[in-house]
Amino acid sequence: MQRLLIVILAAVDAVVAAAVGLGALLAPLTVLWTLAFGLSADWGALWPTTATLWQFGHAVPMDVTIPDAVLRSAGIAPDAATFTLSVFPLAFLVFTALFAARSGHRAAHAGAWIPGVASGTVVFAVIATAVVLTGRLDLATTPWVLGIAAPALAYLCGAGAGAVITAWVEGDGGIVDALHDRVDGWGRWHGVVPDALRGASAALVGLLGSSAAAVALAALLRGGEMVSLFESLRVDALGTTVISLGQLGYLPTLVVWALSWIAGPGFSLGTGTAISPAGTELGVVPGIPVLGLLPETSSPWMLVVVLAPIAAGALAGWIVRSRIVSEGRESGYGPRTVTAVTIAALAGAGAAMLAALASGSLGPGRLAVAGPDPGPVALAVGVEVLIGAAILLLAPLHRTEFDAVAPPRHEDSAPVDAPLD
C-alpha cells in the first residue's frame, strides 16, 4: 500500500509541476489577450499559443512563419519570412527540473524511488502529449516528437537526480546501496566517486553564482542602455509588460551566457560576432532591451574574471579536502589526483550541457548562430576548475588538520607538522 501511495503522490507532483508551468503562461497571456484584443479576441488561439510557448521553454525548437501581410507592413525582407528559434527561455525547464528533483527526493526518502520517478515521468509525458496534440499553431510549429520527449526528459533528469542523491545518502535497500557497497570496497579509492560528484556540484554552483552576480552587475552598470532600447521601441504599457515577461524567462539563459564569458570563450550574437573578455565584435545588435547589458568593448583587465572559475575549483577542492579530514581518511596523492581530474571533467561536462541548452538560433540570417560554443566552454571550465581544485587537494595533508577533529595522539606519535603524504 505504501508503494502505491508513493506512486500516486509522484503522479500528483508531476500534474502540479505541469499545471504550474502552464498556468504561469496562461494567466498573464489571458490578461494580455483581453487588454490587446478585447472581448472580440480570437480565444481559440490562446491555448495553442500557451502550449507552444510551454514546449519552447522546455528546449523544443520552434519554426516561425511570418505572414505576408506582416512582411509588407513591417518592411521585412521575404527571405526572413521563415526561421527557427532555438535559444530557449530556460526558466521553465529549470522550474520543471527543480520541482521534479523535490519529488524524486520525497520518493527516495519514502523508500521507493524507482516507481516514484517512473510514475512522475510517465504522467508528465502524458501531459506533454496532450499539450502537443491540443495546442498547434500554424505560425509557430514545434516537432511533436521533441514536444513530448524534451519535457519528459527534463522531468526524468530532475527526478532521477533528486532520488539518486537522496538514496546514496540515506540508502534505499536496493540498487544504490549495492553500488555504494561496491564503491566502499575500493579501499583507499572508495571516496573518489562521492568526493568528485560533491566537488563538481560545488564548482558548478559557484560558477553559476558568480555568473548571476555578473548579470546583476551588468544590469547595475548598463541599465541606462537597456532603458534606452526600451524607449526606442516606442511600445505602450502592454508591450512593455510582454517584453519584460519574455526577458524574465530568458534570465537563466543570460546567466549561462555570462558563465561562458567568465570562463573565457564567451559567446556569439550572430555570424561573425564574438563577446568575450579578450575582445568584443558585436556588429548590429537586435533592439531587444536586455541585449543592452552586453559589453560594447573589452579590456585586458577583464581577463581577471577567469579567476572566478579557478576560485570555484578551489572551493570544490576545499570542500573535498575538509571532508577527507573530517572522516579521518588516509587519502594519498593518487586518489586525490584522480578526484581533482574527475571534478574538472564533470564540471566541464556540466558547463558544456548548459552551453548547449543556451545556444542556437535567435532569428533569420546572421542570427541563426547565437550563444556559447559547448566545446570551448567545456575545455576552459575544465582546465580552470582543475587548477583551483588541484591547489587545495594536492597540498600535503598534515596531522594538525586531523588533530582538529580527532582525539589527541600519544606522545610517541609522529610530529604534528609531519605530512601524511
Protein backbone atom coordinates (compact mmCIF):
# COMPACT_ATOMS: atom_id res chain seq x y z
CA MET A 1 0.00 0.00 0.00
CA GLN A 2 2.87 2.36 0.81
CA ARG A 3 4.43 1.81 -2.61
CA LEU A 4 1.09 2.55 -4.28
CA LEU A 5 0.78 5.74 -2.23
CA ILE A 6 4.28 6.84 -3.31
CA VAL A 7 3.38 6.24 -6.95
CA ILE A 8 0.18 8.27 -6.60
CA LEU A 9 1.96 11.14 -4.84
CA ALA A 10 4.66 11.20 -7.51
CA ALA A 11 1.98 11.34 -10.20
CA VAL A 12 0.31 14.24 -8.36
CA ASP A 13 3.68 16.04 -8.22
CA ALA A 14 4.00 15.72 -11.99
CA VAL A 15 0.49 17.09 -12.51
CA VAL A 16 1.22 20.04 -10.22
CA ALA A 17 4.54 20.77 -11.96
CA ALA A 18 2.87 20.81 -15.38
CA ALA A 19 -0.12 22.82 -14.13
CA VAL A 20 2.06 25.49 -12.51
CA GLY A 21 4.22 25.84 -15.62
CA LEU A 22 1.22 26.07 -17.94
CA GLY A 23 -0.63 28.37 -15.54
CA ALA A 24 2.37 30.70 -15.32
CA LEU A 25 1.97 31.19 -19.07
CA LEU A 26 -1.79 31.02 -19.42
CA ALA A 27 -2.68 33.53 -16.70
CA PRO A 28 -0.65 36.51 -17.98
CA LEU A 29 -1.45 35.61 -21.59
CA THR A 30 -5.17 35.73 -20.78
CA VAL A 31 -4.82 39.20 -19.28
CA LEU A 32 -2.71 40.41 -22.19
CA TRP A 33 -5.13 38.85 -24.68
CA THR A 34 -8.02 40.71 -23.12
CA LEU A 35 -6.21 44.04 -23.00
CA ALA A 36 -4.90 43.73 -26.54
CA PHE A 37 -7.95 42.36 -28.38
CA GLY A 38 -10.89 42.98 -26.05
CA LEU A 39 -13.94 40.77 -25.85
CA SER A 40 -13.80 40.16 -29.60
CA ALA A 41 -10.46 38.35 -29.30
CA ASP A 42 -9.85 35.04 -31.01
CA TRP A 43 -9.84 32.96 -27.85
CA GLY A 44 -9.25 29.79 -29.83
CA ALA A 45 -5.62 30.82 -30.35
CA LEU A 46 -4.91 31.39 -26.64
CA TRP A 47 -4.36 27.77 -25.66
CA PRO A 48 -2.24 26.87 -28.75
CA THR A 49 -0.05 29.88 -28.01
CA THR A 50 0.35 28.79 -24.39
CA ALA A 51 1.09 25.20 -25.37
CA THR A 52 3.68 26.21 -27.97
CA LEU A 53 5.48 28.56 -25.58
CA TRP A 54 5.48 25.88 -22.86
CA GLN A 55 7.16 23.44 -25.23
CA PHE A 56 9.61 26.13 -26.33
CA GLY A 57 10.51 26.74 -22.68
CA HIS A 58 11.38 23.03 -22.37
CA ALA A 59 14.04 23.17 -25.12
CA VAL A 60 11.79 22.36 -28.08
CA PRO A 61 12.82 24.38 -31.17
CA MET A 62 10.12 26.50 -32.80
CA ASP A 63 9.75 27.12 -36.54
CA VAL A 64 8.26 30.58 -37.09
CA THR A 65 6.49 31.75 -40.25
CA ILE A 66 5.69 35.46 -40.65
CA PRO A 67 2.52 36.15 -42.70
CA ASP A 68 2.89 38.06 -45.97
CA ALA A 69 0.73 40.92 -44.68
CA VAL A 70 3.07 41.45 -41.74
CA LEU A 71 6.10 41.26 -44.02
CA ARG A 72 4.74 44.03 -46.24
CA SER A 73 3.58 46.30 -43.42
CA ALA A 74 6.82 45.95 -41.45
CA GLY A 75 9.12 46.10 -44.47
CA ILE A 76 10.76 42.76 -43.66
CA ALA A 77 12.73 41.03 -46.41
CA PRO A 78 10.97 37.94 -47.85
CA ASP A 79 13.93 35.70 -47.06
CA ALA A 80 13.31 36.39 -43.35
CA ALA A 81 9.73 35.10 -43.52
CA THR A 82 10.63 31.72 -42.03
CA PHE A 83 13.23 30.95 -39.39
CA THR A 84 13.86 28.77 -36.37
CA LEU A 85 14.08 29.83 -32.73
CA SER A 86 16.23 27.50 -30.64
CA VAL A 87 17.73 29.75 -27.95
CA PHE A 88 15.30 28.83 -25.22
CA PRO A 89 13.92 30.70 -22.19
CA LEU A 90 15.31 28.20 -19.69
CA ALA A 91 13.23 29.42 -16.74
CA PHE A 92 10.51 26.84 -17.45
CA LEU A 93 12.95 23.97 -17.85
CA VAL A 94 14.75 24.94 -14.63
CA PHE A 95 11.47 25.06 -12.73
CA THR A 96 10.40 21.64 -14.02
CA ALA A 97 13.76 20.07 -13.15
CA LEU A 98 13.81 21.53 -9.63
CA PHE A 99 10.21 20.54 -8.93
CA ALA A 100 10.95 17.03 -10.22
CA ALA A 101 14.07 16.82 -8.02
CA ARG A 102 11.91 17.60 -5.00
CA SER A 103 9.50 14.83 -6.00
CA GLY A 104 12.36 12.37 -6.51
CA HIS A 105 13.79 13.26 -3.11
CA ARG A 106 10.45 12.53 -1.43
CA ALA A 107 10.08 9.22 -3.25
CA ALA A 108 13.59 8.12 -2.25
CA HIS A 109 13.04 9.24 1.34
CA ALA A 110 9.88 7.12 1.40
CA GLY A 111 11.84 4.09 0.21
CA ALA A 112 10.52 3.57 -3.33
CA TRP A 113 12.32 5.96 -5.63
CA ILE A 114 12.26 3.86 -8.82
CA PRO A 115 8.45 3.54 -9.07
CA GLY A 116 8.09 7.13 -7.89
CA VAL A 117 10.39 8.53 -10.57
CA ALA A 118 8.82 6.30 -13.21
CA SER A 119 5.29 7.33 -12.24
CA GLY A 120 6.05 11.05 -12.28
CA THR A 121 7.89 10.85 -15.60
CA VAL A 122 5.12 8.86 -17.30
CA VAL A 123 2.43 11.25 -16.08
CA PHE A 124 4.45 14.27 -17.18
CA ALA A 125 4.99 12.66 -20.60
CA VAL A 126 1.23 12.05 -20.91
CA ILE A 127 0.56 15.69 -20.09
CA ALA A 128 3.17 16.79 -22.64
CA THR A 129 1.48 14.56 -25.23
CA ALA A 130 -1.89 16.17 -24.50
CA VAL A 131 -0.32 19.62 -24.80
CA VAL A 132 1.22 18.76 -28.17
CA LEU A 133 -1.97 17.24 -29.58
CA THR A 134 -4.28 20.05 -28.45
CA GLY A 135 -2.07 23.09 -28.96
CA ARG A 136 -0.81 23.54 -32.53
CA LEU A 137 -0.14 26.93 -34.11
CA ASP A 138 0.14 27.49 -37.84
CA LEU A 139 2.59 30.37 -37.49
CA ALA A 140 4.87 28.74 -34.87
CA THR A 141 5.23 24.98 -35.06
CA THR A 142 7.25 22.56 -32.94
CA PRO A 143 8.33 18.97 -33.70
CA TRP A 144 5.75 16.79 -32.00
CA VAL A 145 8.26 14.10 -31.00
CA LEU A 146 10.53 16.61 -29.29
CA GLY A 147 7.45 18.33 -27.86
CA ILE A 148 6.79 15.14 -25.89
CA ALA A 149 10.32 13.87 -25.29
CA ALA A 150 12.05 17.09 -24.16
CA PRO A 151 9.68 17.98 -21.28
CA ALA A 152 9.58 14.35 -20.16
CA LEU A 153 13.38 14.12 -20.26
CA ALA A 154 13.70 17.31 -18.21
CA TYR A 155 11.38 15.86 -15.58
CA LEU A 156 13.16 12.48 -15.62
CA CYS A 157 16.60 14.07 -15.16
CA GLY A 158 15.41 16.23 -12.28
CA ALA A 159 13.52 13.46 -10.51
CA GLY A 160 16.28 10.92 -11.08
CA ALA A 161 18.98 13.24 -9.75
CA GLY A 162 16.99 14.11 -6.64
CA ALA A 163 16.16 10.45 -5.98
CA VAL A 164 19.64 9.00 -6.54
CA ILE A 165 21.35 11.65 -4.40
CA THR A 166 18.90 11.01 -1.56
CA ALA A 167 19.22 7.23 -1.92
CA TRP A 168 23.03 7.47 -1.87
CA VAL A 169 22.99 9.49 1.36
CA GLU A 170 20.14 7.72 3.17
CA GLY A 171 20.22 4.29 1.50
CA ASP A 172 17.50 2.56 -0.46
CA GLY A 173 17.97 -1.13 0.32
CA GLY A 174 18.39 -1.80 -3.37
CA ILE A 175 20.50 -0.90 -6.38
CA VAL A 176 22.02 2.29 -4.95
CA ASP A 177 23.05 0.56 -1.72
CA ALA A 178 24.60 -2.26 -3.76
CA LEU A 179 26.57 0.29 -5.77
CA HIS A 180 27.51 2.09 -2.55
CA ASP A 181 28.84 -1.16 -1.04
CA ARG A 182 30.82 -1.91 -4.19
CA VAL A 183 32.43 1.54 -4.10
CA ASP A 184 33.20 1.13 -0.40
CA GLY A 185 35.17 -1.99 -1.31
CA TRP A 186 37.71 0.03 -3.30
CA GLY A 187 39.81 0.64 -0.19
CA ARG A 188 41.66 3.96 -0.21
CA TRP A 189 39.94 4.80 -3.54
CA HIS A 190 36.40 4.45 -2.22
CA GLY A 191 36.00 8.19 -1.64
CA VAL A 192 36.86 9.23 -5.20
CA VAL A 193 33.34 8.91 -6.66
CA PRO A 194 31.35 10.73 -3.94
CA ASP A 195 34.10 13.34 -3.48
CA ALA A 196 34.24 14.05 -7.22
CA LEU A 197 30.47 14.38 -7.52
CA ARG A 198 30.32 16.64 -4.46
CA GLY A 199 33.20 18.76 -5.70
CA ALA A 200 31.85 19.10 -9.24
CA SER A 201 28.46 20.16 -7.88
CA ALA A 202 30.12 22.78 -5.68
CA ALA A 203 32.19 24.07 -8.61
CA LEU A 204 29.15 24.40 -10.88
CA VAL A 205 27.12 26.12 -8.16
CA GLY A 206 29.99 28.52 -7.56
CA LEU A 207 30.27 29.23 -11.28
CA LEU A 208 26.54 29.84 -11.67
CA GLY A 209 26.55 32.08 -8.60
CA SER A 210 29.37 34.22 -9.96
CA SER A 211 27.63 34.33 -13.36
CA ALA A 212 24.39 35.52 -11.79
CA ALA A 213 26.36 38.17 -9.92
CA ALA A 214 27.92 39.26 -13.23
CA VAL A 215 24.46 39.66 -14.80
CA ALA A 216 23.30 41.70 -11.80
CA LEU A 217 26.42 43.88 -12.01
CA ALA A 218 25.85 44.42 -15.75
CA ALA A 219 22.26 45.46 -15.04
CA LEU A 220 23.56 47.97 -12.50
CA LEU A 221 26.28 49.42 -14.73
CA ARG A 222 24.48 49.28 -18.09
CA GLY A 223 20.87 49.70 -17.04
CA GLY A 224 20.74 53.02 -18.91
CA GLU A 225 21.43 51.30 -22.25
CA MET A 226 18.64 48.82 -21.57
CA VAL A 227 16.22 51.65 -20.78
CA SER A 228 17.27 53.46 -23.97
CA LEU A 229 16.46 50.36 -26.03
CA PHE A 230 13.07 50.14 -24.32
CA GLU A 231 12.36 53.74 -25.25
CA SER A 232 13.48 53.24 -28.85
CA LEU A 233 10.88 50.51 -29.30
CA ARG A 234 8.11 53.05 -28.62
CA VAL A 235 5.78 50.45 -27.12
CA ASP A 236 2.90 51.08 -24.75
CA ALA A 237 2.47 49.66 -21.26
CA LEU A 238 1.10 46.40 -22.66
CA GLY A 239 4.08 45.95 -24.97
CA THR A 240 6.48 46.78 -22.16
CA THR A 241 4.86 44.14 -19.97
CA VAL A 242 5.09 41.48 -22.69
CA ILE A 243 8.76 42.26 -23.36
CA SER A 244 9.60 42.30 -19.65
CA LEU A 245 7.95 38.91 -19.03
CA GLY A 246 9.75 37.42 -22.01
CA GLN A 247 13.10 38.72 -20.80
CA LEU A 248 12.42 37.31 -17.33
CA GLY A 249 12.01 33.86 -18.85
CA TYR A 250 15.42 34.27 -20.51
CA LEU A 251 17.19 35.19 -17.26
CA PRO A 252 18.71 31.68 -16.74
CA THR A 253 19.84 31.74 -20.37
CA LEU A 254 21.65 35.02 -19.76
CA VAL A 255 23.32 33.51 -16.68
CA VAL A 256 24.71 30.69 -18.85
CA TRP A 257 25.96 33.27 -21.38
CA ALA A 258 27.67 35.06 -18.50
CA LEU A 259 29.24 31.76 -17.41
CA SER A 260 30.76 31.26 -20.85
CA TRP A 261 32.02 34.87 -20.79
CA ILE A 262 33.60 34.46 -17.36
CA ALA A 263 35.23 31.18 -18.39
CA GLY A 264 36.90 32.93 -21.33
CA PRO A 265 35.48 31.56 -24.62
CA GLY A 266 32.49 33.93 -24.49
CA PHE A 267 29.54 33.65 -26.85
CA SER A 268 28.24 34.97 -30.17
CA LEU A 269 25.23 37.01 -31.16
CA GLY A 270 25.16 36.26 -34.84
CA THR A 271 27.54 35.06 -37.51
CA GLY A 272 30.94 36.74 -37.27
CA THR A 273 30.39 38.15 -33.78
CA ALA A 274 32.17 37.39 -30.52
CA ILE A 275 31.69 38.65 -26.97
CA SER A 276 34.47 37.58 -24.59
CA PRO A 277 36.86 39.16 -22.08
CA ALA A 278 39.61 39.05 -24.71
CA GLY A 279 37.66 41.06 -27.29
CA THR A 280 34.20 42.10 -28.44
CA GLU A 281 32.91 42.21 -32.01
CA LEU A 282 29.18 42.85 -31.95
CA GLY A 283 28.10 44.35 -35.23
CA VAL A 284 24.41 45.25 -35.47
CA VAL A 285 22.56 44.11 -32.32
CA PRO A 286 18.80 43.41 -32.36
CA GLY A 287 16.79 46.03 -30.49
CA ILE A 288 15.96 43.74 -27.59
CA PRO A 289 16.31 45.76 -24.37
CA VAL A 290 18.13 43.09 -22.37
CA LEU A 291 20.89 42.98 -25.00
CA GLY A 292 21.85 46.44 -23.81
CA LEU A 293 23.67 44.65 -20.98
CA LEU A 294 26.26 43.28 -23.41
CA PRO A 295 29.69 44.93 -23.15
CA GLU A 296 30.47 47.12 -26.15
CA THR A 297 34.25 46.92 -25.69
CA SER A 298 36.76 44.74 -23.91
CA SER A 299 39.84 45.47 -21.84
CA PRO A 300 42.83 43.30 -20.87
CA TRP A 301 41.75 43.87 -17.27
CA MET A 302 38.59 41.89 -17.99
CA LEU A 303 40.67 38.73 -18.25
CA VAL A 304 40.84 38.77 -14.46
CA VAL A 305 37.34 37.23 -14.48
CA VAL A 306 38.89 33.83 -15.27
CA LEU A 307 39.86 33.79 -11.59
CA ALA A 308 36.19 33.08 -10.82
CA PRO A 309 36.24 29.52 -12.28
CA ILE A 310 39.58 28.92 -10.57
CA ALA A 311 38.04 30.08 -7.29
CA ALA A 312 35.09 27.75 -7.90
CA GLY A 313 37.54 24.88 -8.35
CA ALA A 314 39.36 25.91 -5.18
CA LEU A 315 36.03 25.93 -3.33
CA ALA A 316 35.36 22.40 -4.58
CA GLY A 317 38.83 21.29 -3.51
CA TRP A 318 38.42 22.84 -0.07
CA ILE A 319 35.07 21.09 0.45
CA VAL A 320 36.50 17.71 -0.55
CA ARG A 321 39.67 18.23 1.49
CA SER A 322 37.63 19.17 4.56
CA ARG A 323 35.54 16.02 4.17
CA ILE A 324 38.65 13.85 3.87
CA VAL A 325 39.97 15.35 7.10
CA SER A 326 36.64 15.18 8.95
CA GLU A 327 36.30 11.46 8.09
CA GLY A 328 39.93 10.77 9.03
CA ARG A 329 40.65 9.11 5.68
CA GLU A 330 44.23 8.27 4.73
CA SER A 331 43.95 9.60 1.18
CA GLY A 332 47.20 9.62 -0.76
CA TYR A 333 48.21 11.65 -3.79
CA GLY A 334 46.82 9.08 -6.22
CA PRO A 335 43.17 9.21 -5.11
CA ARG A 336 43.28 12.97 -4.64
CA THR A 337 44.76 13.49 -8.11
CA VAL A 338 42.05 11.37 -9.70
CA THR A 339 39.43 13.24 -7.65
CA ALA A 340 40.71 16.62 -8.86
CA VAL A 341 40.74 15.49 -12.51
CA THR A 342 37.26 13.99 -12.20
CA ILE A 343 35.89 17.15 -10.60
CA ALA A 344 37.25 19.17 -13.52
CA ALA A 345 35.87 16.73 -16.11
CA LEU A 346 32.40 16.69 -14.55
CA ALA A 347 32.34 20.48 -14.17
CA GLY A 348 33.39 20.88 -17.81
CA ALA A 349 30.71 18.43 -18.94
CA GLY A 350 28.06 20.25 -16.91
CA ALA A 351 29.12 23.61 -18.36
CA ALA A 352 29.01 22.13 -21.87
CA MET A 353 25.48 20.85 -21.32
CA LEU A 354 24.34 24.27 -20.10
CA ALA A 355 26.06 25.96 -23.06
CA ALA A 356 24.31 23.61 -25.49
CA LEU A 357 20.92 24.46 -23.98
CA ALA A 358 21.67 28.21 -24.18
CA SER A 359 22.85 28.27 -27.81
CA GLY A 360 21.10 28.00 -31.14
CA SER A 361 19.15 30.32 -33.42
CA LEU A 362 17.70 33.69 -32.46
CA GLY A 363 16.19 34.57 -35.81
CA PRO A 364 16.78 34.65 -39.57
CA GLY A 365 20.02 35.32 -41.41
CA ARG A 366 23.06 36.01 -39.30
CA LEU A 367 21.08 35.48 -36.08
CA ALA A 368 20.89 31.76 -36.84
CA VAL A 369 24.09 31.39 -34.77
CA ALA A 370 23.91 32.66 -31.19
CA GLY A 371 25.10 31.66 -27.75
CA PRO A 372 28.22 29.87 -26.47
CA ASP A 373 30.06 27.00 -28.16
CA PRO A 374 29.89 23.98 -25.81
CA GLY A 375 33.33 22.59 -26.74
CA PRO A 376 35.49 25.60 -25.85
CA VAL A 377 33.38 26.28 -22.76
CA ALA A 378 33.87 22.71 -21.53
CA LEU A 379 37.64 22.88 -22.12
CA ALA A 380 38.05 26.27 -20.43
CA VAL A 381 35.92 25.41 -17.40
CA GLY A 382 37.62 22.03 -17.03
CA VAL A 383 41.14 23.49 -17.06
CA GLU A 384 40.30 26.39 -14.75
CA VAL A 385 38.44 24.24 -12.23
CA LEU A 386 41.30 21.72 -12.31
CA ILE A 387 43.80 24.42 -11.38
CA GLY A 388 41.74 25.56 -8.40
CA ALA A 389 40.87 22.05 -7.22
CA ALA A 390 44.43 20.77 -7.57
CA ILE A 391 45.82 23.63 -5.46
CA LEU A 392 43.70 22.55 -2.48
CA LEU A 393 43.61 18.80 -3.00
CA LEU A 394 47.26 18.17 -3.82
CA ALA A 395 48.68 20.24 -0.98
CA PRO A 396 50.14 17.89 1.66
CA LEU A 397 47.79 16.76 4.41
CA HIS A 398 49.31 17.43 7.84
CA ARG A 399 48.42 15.73 11.08
CA THR A 400 47.42 19.06 12.58
CA GLU A 401 44.39 19.02 10.29
CA PHE A 402 43.31 15.62 11.62
CA ASP A 403 44.08 16.58 15.22
CA ALA A 404 41.46 19.32 14.96
CA VAL A 405 38.74 16.67 14.57
CA ALA A 406 40.32 13.65 16.30
CA PRO A 407 41.31 12.82 19.91
CA PRO A 408 44.88 13.80 20.93
CA ARG A 409 47.56 11.34 19.82
CA HIS A 410 50.09 9.56 22.09
CA GLU A 411 53.33 11.37 22.84
CA ASP A 412 55.29 8.84 20.76
CA SER A 413 53.30 9.58 17.62
CA ALA A 414 54.76 11.47 14.65
CA PRO A 415 55.36 15.25 14.96
CA VAL A 416 52.23 17.30 14.50
CA ASP A 417 53.60 19.09 11.46
CA ALA A 418 54.66 15.96 9.60
CA PRO A 419 52.90 15.49 6.28
CA LEU A 420 50.90 12.32 5.73
CA ASP A 421 51.83 12.03 2.07
